Amino acid sequence: GRPAADAPSGLFGFTFYMLTGLHAAHVIGGLGALALTAARAGQGRYTPESRAGVDACAVYWHFLDVVWIVLFAVLWIGGI
């Protein structure tokens, strides 16, 4: 394997690992919410009139999409 000295360090390393960890936490949390929503949908607990859980899950994923697209653009253009 590669020696530990090749691992990113300094501001770049901190930023890389912090954003990677935050991304992982949000994906894991979102997958949990998605699994719960899918289980409830499988039980027939949502109707066209009562679907707040489905809407909340969709809003969450769309929000994450926008946040990560913006972060990617800022980091790519900013050159961090």
Protein backbone atom coordinates (compact mmCIF):
# COMPACT_ATOMS: atom_id res chain seq x y z
CA GLY A 1 0.00 0.00 0.00
CA ARG A 2 0.86 3.63 -0.07
CA PRO A 3 2.66 5.16 2.89
CA ALA A 4 0.62 7.35 5.20
CA ALA A 5 2.77 10.32 4.16
CA ASP A 6 0.90 10.35 0.82
CA ALA A 7 -2.42 10.99 2.56
CA PRO A 8 -3.80 14.51 2.01
CA SER A 9 -2.84 16.88 4.81
CA GLY A 10 -3.16 20.52 5.78
CA LEU A 11 -6.18 22.53 4.71
CA PHE A 12 -6.79 20.32 1.69
CA GLY A 13 -6.76 17.14 3.77
CA PHE A 14 -9.02 18.63 6.43
CA THR A 15 -11.48 19.90 3.83
CA PHE A 16 -11.42 16.65 1.88
CA TYR A 17 -12.01 14.40 4.88
CA MET A 18 -14.57 16.74 6.50
CA LEU A 19 -16.67 16.99 3.34
CA THR A 20 -16.35 13.27 2.66
CA GLY A 21 -17.49 12.49 6.22
CA LEU A 22 -20.40 14.93 6.03
CA HIS A 23 -21.43 13.46 2.70
CA ALA A 24 -21.32 9.93 4.15
CA ALA A 25 -23.38 10.98 7.18
CA HIS A 26 -26.03 12.62 5.00
CA VAL A 27 -26.21 9.66 2.62
CA ILE A 28 -26.52 7.17 5.49
CA GLY A 29 -29.22 9.28 7.16
CA GLY A 30 -31.02 9.72 3.85
CA LEU A 31 -30.91 6.01 3.10
CA GLY A 32 -32.42 5.31 6.52
CA ALA A 33 -35.25 7.75 5.84
CA LEU A 34 -35.70 6.31 2.35
CA ALA A 35 -35.87 2.76 3.74
CA LEU A 36 -38.47 3.82 6.31
CA THR A 37 -40.51 5.61 3.65
CA ALA A 38 -40.30 2.61 1.31
CA ALA A 39 -41.38 0.24 4.11
CA ARG A 40 -44.37 2.44 4.94
CA ALA A 41 -45.26 2.71 1.26
CA GLY A 42 -45.11 -1.08 0.99
CA GLN A 43 -47.61 -1.28 3.86
CA GLY A 44 -49.96 1.03 1.97
CA ARG A 45 -49.69 3.83 4.53
CA TYR A 46 -49.46 6.57 1.89
CA THR A 47 -52.26 7.83 -0.32
CA PRO A 48 -52.34 10.64 -2.88
CA GLU A 49 -53.91 12.84 -0.18
CA SER A 50 -51.64 11.72 2.67
CA ARG A 51 -48.05 11.46 1.51
CA ALA A 52 -46.09 13.86 3.73
CA GLY A 53 -43.35 11.28 4.37
CA VAL A 54 -42.77 10.73 0.67
CA ASP A 55 -42.70 14.48 0.02
CA ALA A 56 -40.27 15.08 2.90
CA CYS A 57 -37.96 12.34 1.63
CA ALA A 58 -38.02 13.80 -1.89
CA VAL A 59 -37.31 17.31 -0.62
CA TYR A 60 -34.39 16.00 1.46
CA TRP A 61 -32.75 14.28 -1.53
CA HIS A 62 -33.30 17.27 -3.82
CA PHE A 63 -31.82 19.56 -1.16
CA LEU A 64 -28.74 17.33 -0.90
CA ASP A 65 -28.42 17.32 -4.69
CA VAL A 66 -28.37 21.11 -4.80
CA VAL A 67 -25.97 21.43 -1.84
CA TRP A 68 -23.47 18.98 -3.30
CA ILE A 69 -23.67 20.44 -6.81
CA VAL A 70 -22.96 23.90 -5.38
CA LEU A 71 -20.14 22.59 -3.17
CA PHE A 72 -18.59 20.71 -6.06
CA ALA A 73 -18.72 23.81 -8.25
CA VAL A 74 -17.27 26.04 -5.53
CA LEU A 75 -14.47 23.61 -4.72
CA TRP A 76 -13.70 22.90 -8.36
CA ILE A 77 -13.71 26.57 -9.38
CA GLY A 78 -12.08 27.66 -6.12
CA GLY A 79 -9.34 25.09 -6.55
CA ILE A 80 -9.32 23.78 -2.98
